[in-house]
């Protein structure tokens, strides 16, 4: 099959990407052009689905910070949905003041595996460095689907790199074109 004829499904682990962007000092991710990034990574191939996975911030009565975070997250969801993304929501669990995402990895794994079994894509682009996904990646490889891992050069996942068809590591300069332009 010609590479340009391959169907691409994009899977973005939102929290994982958010933290990787913060590590390279990219702070304003609400207006980040996720679709633009996905389309560039697809390299001219037909994208059949865009999916963004994240734990949802719950509003709390009297908790201004949580309410601001929730409002920002809802703006992000609206932005993503208006650009053709399906937003898949897990939840955040608080433990001793720290938040931990629950259900997101399982949703990514389930959607990747289901899509492979149902022949909905030829290539999965995975924007995540979460090694919990390695078992499902190995299974998808067995199904003869290609998986492209998109990570970051400052902190790559060697485990994912070893198990995918193609690995691409981004640097901050690669992402400049997807940042919101501010007028001075």
N, C-alpha and C. Protein backbone atom coordinates (compact mmCIF):
# COMPACT_ATOMS: atom_id res chain seq x y z
N UNK A 1 0.84 -1.18 0.00
CA UNK A 1 0.00 0.00 0.00
C UNK A 1 0.88 1.25 0.00
N UNK A 2 0.53 2.19 -0.85
CA UNK A 2 1.22 3.47 -0.91
C UNK A 2 1.07 4.18 0.44
N UNK A 3 2.13 4.79 0.93
CA UNK A 3 2.10 5.44 2.24
C UNK A 3 0.99 6.49 2.34
N UNK A 4 0.76 7.25 1.26
CA UNK A 4 -0.26 8.29 1.29
C UNK A 4 -1.68 7.74 1.32
N UNK A 5 -1.84 6.46 1.00
CA UNK A 5 -3.17 5.83 1.04
C UNK A 5 -3.50 5.28 2.43
N UNK A 6 -2.55 5.31 3.33
CA UNK A 6 -2.78 4.75 4.67
C UNK A 6 -3.67 5.67 5.50
N UNK A 7 -4.58 5.04 6.24
CA UNK A 7 -5.49 5.77 7.13
C UNK A 7 -4.82 5.92 8.50
N UNK A 8 -4.87 7.14 9.02
CA UNK A 8 -4.18 7.47 10.27
C UNK A 8 -5.19 7.81 11.36
N UNK A 9 -4.97 7.26 12.54
CA UNK A 9 -5.73 7.63 13.73
C UNK A 9 -4.76 8.27 14.71
N UNK A 10 -5.13 9.41 15.24
CA UNK A 10 -4.27 10.16 16.16
C UNK A 10 -4.81 10.02 17.58
N UNK A 11 -3.92 9.61 18.50
CA UNK A 11 -4.27 9.41 19.90
C UNK A 11 -3.37 10.31 20.75
N UNK A 12 -3.94 11.31 21.40
CA UNK A 12 -3.16 12.23 22.22
C UNK A 12 -3.50 12.03 23.69
N UNK A 13 -2.49 11.69 24.47
CA UNK A 13 -2.61 11.62 25.93
C UNK A 13 -2.43 13.06 26.44
N UNK A 14 -3.55 13.74 26.68
CA UNK A 14 -3.53 15.17 26.98
C UNK A 14 -2.68 15.55 28.18
N UNK A 15 -2.81 14.84 29.27
CA UNK A 15 -2.04 15.16 30.47
C UNK A 15 -0.55 14.92 30.25
N UNK A 16 -0.23 13.83 29.60
CA UNK A 16 1.16 13.52 29.32
C UNK A 16 1.77 14.61 28.44
N UNK A 17 1.06 15.00 27.38
CA UNK A 17 1.55 16.05 26.50
C UNK A 17 1.66 17.38 27.25
N UNK A 18 0.67 17.71 28.05
CA UNK A 18 0.67 18.95 28.82
C UNK A 18 1.94 19.05 29.68
N UNK A 19 2.27 17.98 30.38
CA UNK A 19 3.45 18.00 31.25
C UNK A 19 4.75 18.05 30.44
N UNK A 20 4.80 17.39 29.30
CA UNK A 20 6.00 17.46 28.45
C UNK A 20 6.18 18.88 27.92
N UNK A 21 5.08 19.54 27.53
CA UNK A 21 5.16 20.92 27.05
C UNK A 21 5.63 21.85 28.15
N UNK A 22 5.13 21.67 29.37
CA UNK A 22 5.57 22.49 30.50
C UNK A 22 7.06 22.31 30.76
N UNK A 23 7.56 21.09 30.60
CA UNK A 23 8.98 20.82 30.83
C UNK A 23 9.87 21.62 29.89
N UNK A 24 9.36 21.93 28.69
CA UNK A 24 10.16 22.71 27.74
C UNK A 24 9.68 24.17 27.69
N UNK A 25 8.99 24.58 28.76
CA UNK A 25 8.58 25.98 28.97
C UNK A 25 7.53 26.47 27.98
N UNK A 26 6.65 25.58 27.54
CA UNK A 26 5.48 25.99 26.77
C UNK A 26 4.31 25.96 27.74
N UNK A 27 3.81 27.15 28.08
CA UNK A 27 2.83 27.27 29.15
C UNK A 27 1.39 27.35 28.66
N UNK A 28 1.12 28.14 27.62
CA UNK A 28 -0.27 28.35 27.19
C UNK A 28 -0.70 27.25 26.24
N UNK A 29 -1.26 26.19 26.81
CA UNK A 29 -1.67 25.06 25.97
C UNK A 29 -3.15 25.11 25.61
N UNK A 30 -3.90 26.08 26.14
CA UNK A 30 -5.32 26.18 25.81
C UNK A 30 -5.53 26.48 24.33
N UNK A 31 -4.67 27.32 23.77
CA UNK A 31 -4.81 27.71 22.37
C UNK A 31 -3.80 27.02 21.46
N UNK A 32 -3.13 26.01 21.97
CA UNK A 32 -2.18 25.23 21.17
C UNK A 32 -2.94 24.58 20.02
N UNK A 33 -2.34 24.56 18.84
CA UNK A 33 -2.99 24.00 17.64
C UNK A 33 -2.72 22.49 17.56
N UNK A 34 -3.49 21.72 18.32
CA UNK A 34 -3.32 20.27 18.36
C UNK A 34 -3.62 19.63 17.00
N UNK A 35 -4.61 20.15 16.30
CA UNK A 35 -4.96 19.60 14.99
C UNK A 35 -3.84 19.87 13.99
N UNK A 36 -3.28 21.08 14.04
CA UNK A 36 -2.16 21.40 13.16
C UNK A 36 -0.99 20.46 13.39
N UNK A 37 -0.68 20.19 14.65
CA UNK A 37 0.39 19.24 14.99
C UNK A 37 0.06 17.85 14.44
N UNK A 38 -1.16 17.39 14.68
CA UNK A 38 -1.56 16.06 14.21
C UNK A 38 -1.46 15.96 12.69
N UNK A 39 -1.91 16.99 11.99
CA UNK A 39 -1.87 16.96 10.53
C UNK A 39 -0.44 16.95 9.99
N UNK A 40 0.44 17.70 10.61
CA UNK A 40 1.86 17.68 10.20
C UNK A 40 2.45 16.29 10.44
N UNK A 41 2.14 15.70 11.58
CA UNK A 41 2.66 14.37 11.90
C UNK A 41 2.12 13.31 10.95
N UNK A 42 0.92 13.53 10.41
CA UNK A 42 0.32 12.57 9.47
C UNK A 42 1.02 12.59 8.11
N UNK A 43 1.76 13.63 7.82
CA UNK A 43 2.57 13.72 6.59
C UNK A 43 1.76 13.45 5.31
N UNK A 44 0.61 14.08 5.19
CA UNK A 44 -0.17 13.98 3.96
C UNK A 44 -1.10 12.78 3.88
N UNK A 45 -1.02 11.90 4.87
CA UNK A 45 -1.93 10.75 4.89
C UNK A 45 -3.29 11.18 5.43
N UNK A 46 -4.33 10.41 5.11
CA UNK A 46 -5.69 10.75 5.52
C UNK A 46 -5.89 10.44 7.00
N UNK A 47 -6.21 11.47 7.78
CA UNK A 47 -6.50 11.27 9.20
C UNK A 47 -7.98 10.92 9.33
N UNK A 48 -8.25 9.74 9.87
CA UNK A 48 -9.63 9.26 10.01
C UNK A 48 -10.20 9.53 11.40
N UNK A 49 -9.33 9.80 12.37
CA UNK A 49 -9.83 10.20 13.69
C UNK A 49 -8.76 10.94 14.48
N UNK A 50 -9.25 11.94 15.20
CA UNK A 50 -8.43 12.71 16.12
C UNK A 50 -9.04 12.49 17.50
N UNK A 51 -8.23 11.98 18.44
CA UNK A 51 -8.74 11.72 19.79
C UNK A 51 -7.80 12.33 20.82
N UNK A 52 -8.40 12.97 21.81
CA UNK A 52 -7.66 13.62 22.89
C UNK A 52 -8.21 13.07 24.20
N UNK A 53 -7.33 12.56 25.05
CA UNK A 53 -7.72 11.89 26.30
C UNK A 53 -7.19 12.69 27.48
N UNK A 54 -8.06 12.88 28.49
CA UNK A 54 -7.63 13.65 29.66
C UNK A 54 -8.56 13.39 30.84
N UNK A 55 -7.99 13.52 32.04
CA UNK A 55 -8.79 13.48 33.25
C UNK A 55 -9.48 14.82 33.44
N UNK A 56 -10.73 14.79 33.84
CA UNK A 56 -11.53 16.01 33.95
C UNK A 56 -11.40 16.62 35.35
N UNK A 57 -11.16 17.93 35.37
CA UNK A 57 -11.14 18.68 36.62
C UNK A 57 -12.58 18.89 37.06
N UNK A 58 -12.87 18.55 38.29
CA UNK A 58 -14.22 18.75 38.83
C UNK A 58 -14.31 20.10 39.53
N UNK A 59 -15.40 20.79 39.28
CA UNK A 59 -15.64 22.06 39.98
C UNK A 59 -15.97 21.76 41.44
N UNK A 60 -15.46 22.61 42.32
CA UNK A 60 -15.75 22.44 43.74
C UNK A 60 -16.26 23.77 44.28
N UNK A 61 -17.31 23.69 45.04
CA UNK A 61 -17.88 24.89 45.64
C UNK A 61 -16.84 25.56 46.53
N UNK A 62 -16.55 26.82 46.24
CA UNK A 62 -15.61 27.58 47.05
C UNK A 62 -14.15 27.38 46.70
N UNK A 63 -13.83 26.51 45.77
CA UNK A 63 -12.43 26.27 45.37
C UNK A 63 -12.17 27.01 44.06
N UNK A 64 -11.70 28.26 44.20
CA UNK A 64 -11.51 29.12 43.04
C UNK A 64 -10.51 28.53 42.03
N UNK A 65 -9.42 27.95 42.54
CA UNK A 65 -8.41 27.39 41.64
C UNK A 65 -9.01 26.24 40.82
N UNK A 66 -9.71 25.33 41.46
CA UNK A 66 -10.33 24.21 40.74
C UNK A 66 -11.34 24.71 39.73
N UNK A 67 -12.10 25.74 40.09
CA UNK A 67 -13.10 26.29 39.18
C UNK A 67 -12.45 26.97 37.97
N UNK A 68 -11.32 27.67 38.19
CA UNK A 68 -10.59 28.28 37.08
C UNK A 68 -10.01 27.20 36.17
N UNK A 69 -9.45 26.15 36.78
CA UNK A 69 -8.89 25.05 35.99
C UNK A 69 -9.99 24.38 35.16
N UNK A 70 -11.13 24.18 35.76
CA UNK A 70 -12.25 23.55 35.04
C UNK A 70 -12.71 24.43 33.88
N UNK A 71 -12.80 25.74 34.11
CA UNK A 71 -13.21 26.66 33.04
C UNK A 71 -12.21 26.62 31.89
N UNK A 72 -10.92 26.60 32.23
CA UNK A 72 -9.88 26.50 31.19
C UNK A 72 -9.97 25.19 30.44
N UNK A 73 -10.22 24.12 31.15
CA UNK A 73 -10.33 22.81 30.52
C UNK A 73 -11.55 22.76 29.59
N UNK A 74 -12.66 23.35 30.01
CA UNK A 74 -13.86 23.37 29.16
C UNK A 74 -13.61 24.18 27.89
N UNK A 75 -12.83 25.27 28.00
CA UNK A 75 -12.45 26.05 26.81
C UNK A 75 -11.61 25.19 25.87
N UNK A 76 -10.66 24.45 26.45
CA UNK A 76 -9.83 23.55 25.64
C UNK A 76 -10.70 22.52 24.94
N UNK A 77 -11.62 21.90 25.65
CA UNK A 77 -12.50 20.88 25.05
C UNK A 77 -13.30 21.47 23.90
N UNK A 78 -13.84 22.66 24.07
CA UNK A 78 -14.61 23.31 23.00
C UNK A 78 -13.73 23.56 21.78
N UNK A 79 -12.50 24.04 22.04
CA UNK A 79 -11.55 24.29 20.96
C UNK A 79 -11.25 22.99 20.21
N UNK A 80 -10.96 21.94 20.94
CA UNK A 80 -10.64 20.65 20.31
C UNK A 80 -11.83 20.11 19.51
N UNK A 81 -13.00 20.13 20.11
CA UNK A 81 -14.19 19.60 19.44
C UNK A 81 -14.52 20.40 18.18
N UNK A 82 -14.30 21.71 18.21
CA UNK A 82 -14.57 22.53 17.03
C UNK A 82 -13.58 22.23 15.90
N UNK A 83 -12.45 21.62 16.23
CA UNK A 83 -11.44 21.26 15.24
C UNK A 83 -11.51 19.79 14.84
N UNK A 84 -12.56 19.10 15.26
CA UNK A 84 -12.77 17.72 14.82
C UNK A 84 -12.27 16.64 15.76
N UNK A 85 -11.87 17.00 16.96
CA UNK A 85 -11.40 16.01 17.93
C UNK A 85 -12.56 15.40 18.70
N UNK A 86 -12.41 14.14 19.01
CA UNK A 86 -13.26 13.49 19.99
C UNK A 86 -12.50 13.57 21.31
N UNK A 87 -13.10 14.19 22.31
CA UNK A 87 -12.45 14.33 23.62
C UNK A 87 -12.96 13.20 24.51
N UNK A 88 -12.04 12.35 24.93
CA UNK A 88 -12.35 11.21 25.80
C UNK A 88 -11.94 11.57 27.22
N UNK A 89 -12.88 11.50 28.14
CA UNK A 89 -12.63 11.97 29.50
C UNK A 89 -12.49 10.84 30.51
N UNK A 90 -11.39 10.92 31.26
CA UNK A 90 -11.23 10.10 32.45
C UNK A 90 -11.57 10.99 33.63
N UNK A 91 -11.01 10.69 34.78
CA UNK A 91 -11.26 11.57 35.92
C UNK A 91 -9.98 11.75 36.71
N UNK A 92 -9.98 12.78 37.54
CA UNK A 92 -8.85 13.08 38.41
C UNK A 92 -9.22 12.72 39.83
N UNK A 93 -8.32 12.02 40.49
CA UNK A 93 -8.53 11.63 41.88
C UNK A 93 -7.50 12.37 42.72
N UNK A 94 -7.95 13.02 43.78
CA UNK A 94 -7.06 13.76 44.66
C UNK A 94 -6.61 12.87 45.81
N UNK A 95 -5.31 12.91 46.09
CA UNK A 95 -4.75 12.15 47.20
C UNK A 95 -3.67 13.02 47.84
N UNK A 96 -3.91 13.47 49.05
CA UNK A 96 -2.96 14.32 49.77
C UNK A 96 -2.57 15.57 48.98
N UNK A 97 -3.56 16.20 48.35
CA UNK A 97 -3.31 17.44 47.62
C UNK A 97 -2.75 17.25 46.22
N UNK A 98 -2.46 16.03 45.82
CA UNK A 98 -1.95 15.75 44.47
C UNK A 98 -3.05 15.07 43.68
N UNK A 99 -3.10 15.42 42.39
CA UNK A 99 -4.11 14.83 41.52
C UNK A 99 -3.49 13.74 40.67
N UNK A 100 -4.23 12.65 40.52
CA UNK A 100 -3.79 11.53 39.69
C UNK A 100 -4.90 11.19 38.71
N UNK A 101 -4.52 11.02 37.46
CA UNK A 101 -5.49 10.68 36.43
C UNK A 101 -5.88 9.22 36.53
N UNK A 102 -7.14 8.95 36.33
CA UNK A 102 -7.64 7.57 36.36
C UNK A 102 -8.48 7.31 35.12
N UNK A 103 -8.29 6.15 34.53
CA UNK A 103 -9.12 5.72 33.41
C UNK A 103 -8.65 6.15 32.04
N UNK A 104 -7.68 7.04 31.97
CA UNK A 104 -7.26 7.58 30.67
C UNK A 104 -6.45 6.55 29.88
N UNK A 105 -5.46 5.92 30.51
CA UNK A 105 -4.64 4.93 29.80
C UNK A 105 -5.49 3.78 29.28
N UNK A 106 -6.46 3.36 30.07
CA UNK A 106 -7.34 2.26 29.66
C UNK A 106 -8.16 2.68 28.45
N UNK A 107 -8.64 3.92 28.43
CA UNK A 107 -9.42 4.41 27.28
C UNK A 107 -8.55 4.45 26.02
N UNK A 108 -7.32 4.94 26.15
CA UNK A 108 -6.42 4.99 25.00
C UNK A 108 -6.18 3.57 24.48
N UNK A 109 -5.81 2.67 25.38
CA UNK A 109 -5.52 1.29 25.00
C UNK A 109 -6.72 0.63 24.34
N UNK A 110 -7.90 0.82 24.92
CA UNK A 110 -9.11 0.21 24.38
C UNK A 110 -9.42 0.74 22.99
N UNK A 111 -9.33 2.06 22.82
CA UNK A 111 -9.63 2.64 21.51
C UNK A 111 -8.60 2.24 20.46
N UNK A 112 -7.33 2.19 20.84
CA UNK A 112 -6.30 1.76 19.88
C UNK A 112 -6.54 0.32 19.45
N UNK A 113 -6.80 -0.54 20.42
CA UNK A 113 -6.99 -1.96 20.13
C UNK A 113 -8.27 -2.21 19.34
N UNK A 114 -9.36 -1.56 19.74
CA UNK A 114 -10.63 -1.72 19.03
C UNK A 114 -10.49 -1.24 17.59
N UNK A 115 -9.87 -0.09 17.40
CA UNK A 115 -9.67 0.44 16.05
C UNK A 115 -8.83 -0.49 15.19
N UNK A 116 -7.82 -1.12 15.79
CA UNK A 116 -6.99 -2.07 15.04
C UNK A 116 -7.79 -3.30 14.66
N UNK A 117 -8.52 -3.87 15.61
CA UNK A 117 -9.33 -5.06 15.32
C UNK A 117 -10.42 -4.79 14.30
N UNK A 118 -11.02 -3.60 14.36
CA UNK A 118 -12.11 -3.26 13.44
C UNK A 118 -11.59 -2.67 12.13
N UNK A 119 -10.27 -2.67 11.96
CA UNK A 119 -9.61 -2.16 10.75
C UNK A 119 -10.03 -0.73 10.42
N UNK A 120 -10.04 0.12 11.45
CA UNK A 120 -10.43 1.52 11.25
C UNK A 120 -9.24 2.40 10.89
N UNK A 121 -8.04 1.89 11.06
CA UNK A 121 -6.84 2.64 10.70
C UNK A 121 -5.74 1.69 10.28
N UNK A 122 -4.76 2.25 9.56
CA UNK A 122 -3.56 1.51 9.18
C UNK A 122 -2.38 1.93 10.06
N UNK A 123 -2.40 3.19 10.48
CA UNK A 123 -1.32 3.77 11.27
C UNK A 123 -1.93 4.49 12.48
N UNK A 124 -1.40 4.19 13.65
CA UNK A 124 -1.78 4.93 14.86
C UNK A 124 -0.63 5.86 15.22
N UNK A 125 -0.93 7.14 15.35
CA UNK A 125 0.04 8.10 15.85
C UNK A 125 -0.27 8.31 17.33
N UNK A 126 0.68 7.94 18.17
CA UNK A 126 0.51 8.02 19.61
C UNK A 126 1.37 9.14 20.17
N UNK A 127 0.72 10.17 20.70
CA UNK A 127 1.44 11.26 21.35
C UNK A 127 1.30 11.04 22.86
N UNK A 128 2.23 10.30 23.39
CA UNK A 128 2.28 9.94 24.80
C UNK A 128 3.61 9.25 25.06
N UNK A 129 4.11 9.41 26.26
CA UNK A 129 5.33 8.69 26.65
C UNK A 129 5.03 7.69 27.75
N UNK A 130 3.80 7.27 27.85
CA UNK A 130 3.36 6.39 28.92
C UNK A 130 3.66 4.92 28.58
N UNK A 131 4.58 4.34 29.31
CA UNK A 131 4.98 2.95 29.04
C UNK A 131 3.91 1.94 29.42
N UNK A 132 2.87 2.36 30.13
CA UNK A 132 1.75 1.45 30.40
C UNK A 132 1.09 0.98 29.11
N UNK A 133 1.33 1.68 28.01
CA UNK A 133 0.71 1.34 26.73
C UNK A 133 1.50 0.29 25.94
N UNK A 134 2.67 -0.10 26.42
CA UNK A 134 3.50 -1.06 25.68
C UNK A 134 2.79 -2.39 25.41
N UNK A 135 2.10 -3.00 26.37
CA UNK A 135 1.43 -4.28 26.06
C UNK A 135 0.42 -4.17 24.92
N UNK A 136 -0.36 -3.10 24.90
CA UNK A 136 -1.33 -2.96 23.81
C UNK A 136 -0.62 -2.67 22.49
N UNK A 137 0.47 -1.93 22.53
CA UNK A 137 1.24 -1.66 21.32
C UNK A 137 1.78 -2.97 20.73
N UNK A 138 2.28 -3.84 21.58
CA UNK A 138 2.78 -5.14 21.10
C UNK A 138 1.66 -5.93 20.43
N UNK A 139 0.49 -5.88 21.00
CA UNK A 139 -0.64 -6.62 20.42
C UNK A 139 -1.05 -6.01 19.08
N UNK A 140 -1.05 -4.69 18.99
CA UNK A 140 -1.41 -4.03 17.73
C UNK A 140 -0.37 -4.33 16.66
N UNK A 141 0.89 -4.41 17.05
CA UNK A 141 1.94 -4.81 16.10
C UNK A 141 1.64 -6.19 15.53
N UNK A 142 1.17 -7.10 16.36
CA UNK A 142 0.81 -8.45 15.94
C UNK A 142 -0.31 -8.41 14.90
N UNK A 143 -1.17 -7.39 14.98
CA UNK A 143 -2.27 -7.23 14.03
C UNK A 143 -1.83 -6.54 12.73
N UNK A 144 -0.52 -6.30 12.60
CA UNK A 144 0.08 -5.72 11.39
C UNK A 144 -0.32 -4.26 11.16
N UNK A 145 -0.57 -3.54 12.22
CA UNK A 145 -0.81 -2.11 12.14
C UNK A 145 0.48 -1.39 12.51
N UNK A 146 0.68 -0.23 11.92
CA UNK A 146 1.85 0.58 12.24
C UNK A 146 1.52 1.50 13.41
N UNK A 147 2.52 1.72 14.25
CA UNK A 147 2.37 2.65 15.37
C UNK A 147 3.55 3.61 15.36
N UNK A 148 3.24 4.89 15.37
CA UNK A 148 4.25 5.93 15.41
C UNK A 148 4.21 6.60 16.78
N UNK A 149 5.32 6.54 17.48
CA UNK A 149 5.43 7.17 18.79
C UNK A 149 5.97 8.58 18.60
N UNK A 150 5.27 9.55 19.16
CA UNK A 150 5.72 10.93 19.14
C UNK A 150 6.07 11.31 20.58
N UNK A 151 7.34 11.58 20.80
CA UNK A 151 7.81 11.94 22.13
C UNK A 151 8.63 13.22 22.07
N UNK A 152 9.42 13.44 23.09
CA UNK A 152 10.22 14.65 23.19
C UNK A 152 11.67 14.28 23.42
N UNK A 153 12.55 14.98 22.73
CA UNK A 153 13.97 14.62 22.77
C UNK A 153 14.57 14.80 24.17
N UNK A 154 14.02 15.69 24.99
CA UNK A 154 14.58 15.91 26.32
C UNK A 154 14.23 14.80 27.30
N UNK A 155 13.24 13.96 26.96
CA UNK A 155 12.83 12.91 27.88
C UNK A 155 12.07 11.82 27.13
N UNK A 156 12.75 11.11 26.22
CA UNK A 156 12.04 10.10 25.42
C UNK A 156 11.74 8.84 26.23
N UNK A 157 10.77 8.09 25.74
CA UNK A 157 10.46 6.79 26.33
C UNK A 157 11.15 5.72 25.49
N UNK A 158 12.24 5.19 26.02
CA UNK A 158 12.98 4.18 25.28
C UNK A 158 12.17 2.90 25.12
N UNK A 159 11.33 2.60 26.11
CA UNK A 159 10.46 1.42 26.01
C UNK A 159 9.50 1.53 24.85
N UNK A 160 8.89 2.70 24.68
CA UNK A 160 7.99 2.89 23.54
C UNK A 160 8.76 2.86 22.24
N UNK A 161 9.92 3.51 22.21
CA UNK A 161 10.72 3.55 20.98
C UNK A 161 11.05 2.14 20.49
N UNK A 162 11.31 1.22 21.40
CA UNK A 162 11.68 -0.15 21.03
C UNK A 162 10.51 -0.94 20.45
N UNK A 163 9.28 -0.51 20.68
CA UNK A 163 8.12 -1.32 20.34
C UNK A 163 7.25 -0.75 19.23
N UNK A 164 7.65 0.35 18.63
CA UNK A 164 6.82 0.97 17.60
C UNK A 164 7.47 0.87 16.22
N UNK A 165 6.69 1.17 15.20
CA UNK A 165 7.17 1.14 13.83
C UNK A 165 8.11 2.31 13.56
N UNK A 166 7.74 3.47 14.08
CA UNK A 166 8.49 4.70 13.83
C UNK A 166 8.44 5.55 15.09
N UNK A 167 9.55 6.19 15.40
CA UNK A 167 9.64 7.05 16.56
C UNK A 167 10.11 8.43 16.10
N UNK A 168 9.41 9.46 16.55
CA UNK A 168 9.83 10.83 16.25
C UNK A 168 9.89 11.61 17.56
N UNK A 169 11.01 12.26 17.77
CA UNK A 169 11.21 13.04 18.99
C UNK A 169 11.22 14.52 18.65
N UNK A 170 10.36 15.26 19.32
CA UNK A 170 10.20 16.69 19.05
C UNK A 170 11.08 17.52 19.98
N UNK A 171 11.44 18.70 19.49
CA UNK A 171 12.10 19.71 20.31
C UNK A 171 11.20 20.94 20.32
N UNK A 172 11.50 21.88 21.18
CA UNK A 172 10.65 23.07 21.34
C UNK A 172 10.46 23.80 20.01
N UNK A 173 11.52 23.95 19.23
CA UNK A 173 11.42 24.67 17.95
C UNK A 173 10.43 24.01 16.99
N UNK A 174 10.27 22.69 17.08
CA UNK A 174 9.30 21.99 16.22
C UNK A 174 7.87 22.45 16.49
N UNK A 175 7.63 22.95 17.68
CA UNK A 175 6.27 23.26 18.13
C UNK A 175 5.89 24.73 18.01
N UNK A 176 6.84 25.59 17.66
CA UNK A 176 6.59 27.03 17.62
C UNK A 176 5.41 27.38 16.71
N UNK A 177 5.29 26.70 15.59
CA UNK A 177 4.21 27.02 14.64
C UNK A 177 2.82 26.68 15.17
N UNK A 178 2.73 25.92 16.24
CA UNK A 178 1.43 25.50 16.79
C UNK A 178 1.00 26.32 18.01
N UNK A 179 1.85 27.27 18.39
CA UNK A 179 1.54 28.12 19.54
C UNK A 179 0.69 29.30 19.10
N UNK A 180 -0.21 29.74 19.98
CA UNK A 180 -1.05 30.90 19.68
C UNK A 180 -0.17 32.12 19.50
N UNK A 181 -0.46 32.87 18.48
CA UNK A 181 0.30 34.10 18.22
C UNK A 181 -0.30 35.22 19.06
N UNK A 182 0.55 35.94 19.76
CA UNK A 182 0.07 37.07 20.56
C UNK A 182 0.51 38.37 19.90
N UNK A 183 -0.38 39.32 19.91
CA UNK A 183 -0.08 40.64 19.34
C UNK A 183 0.35 41.57 20.46
N UNK A 184 1.40 42.32 20.19
CA UNK A 184 1.91 43.26 21.20
C UNK A 184 1.38 44.65 20.90
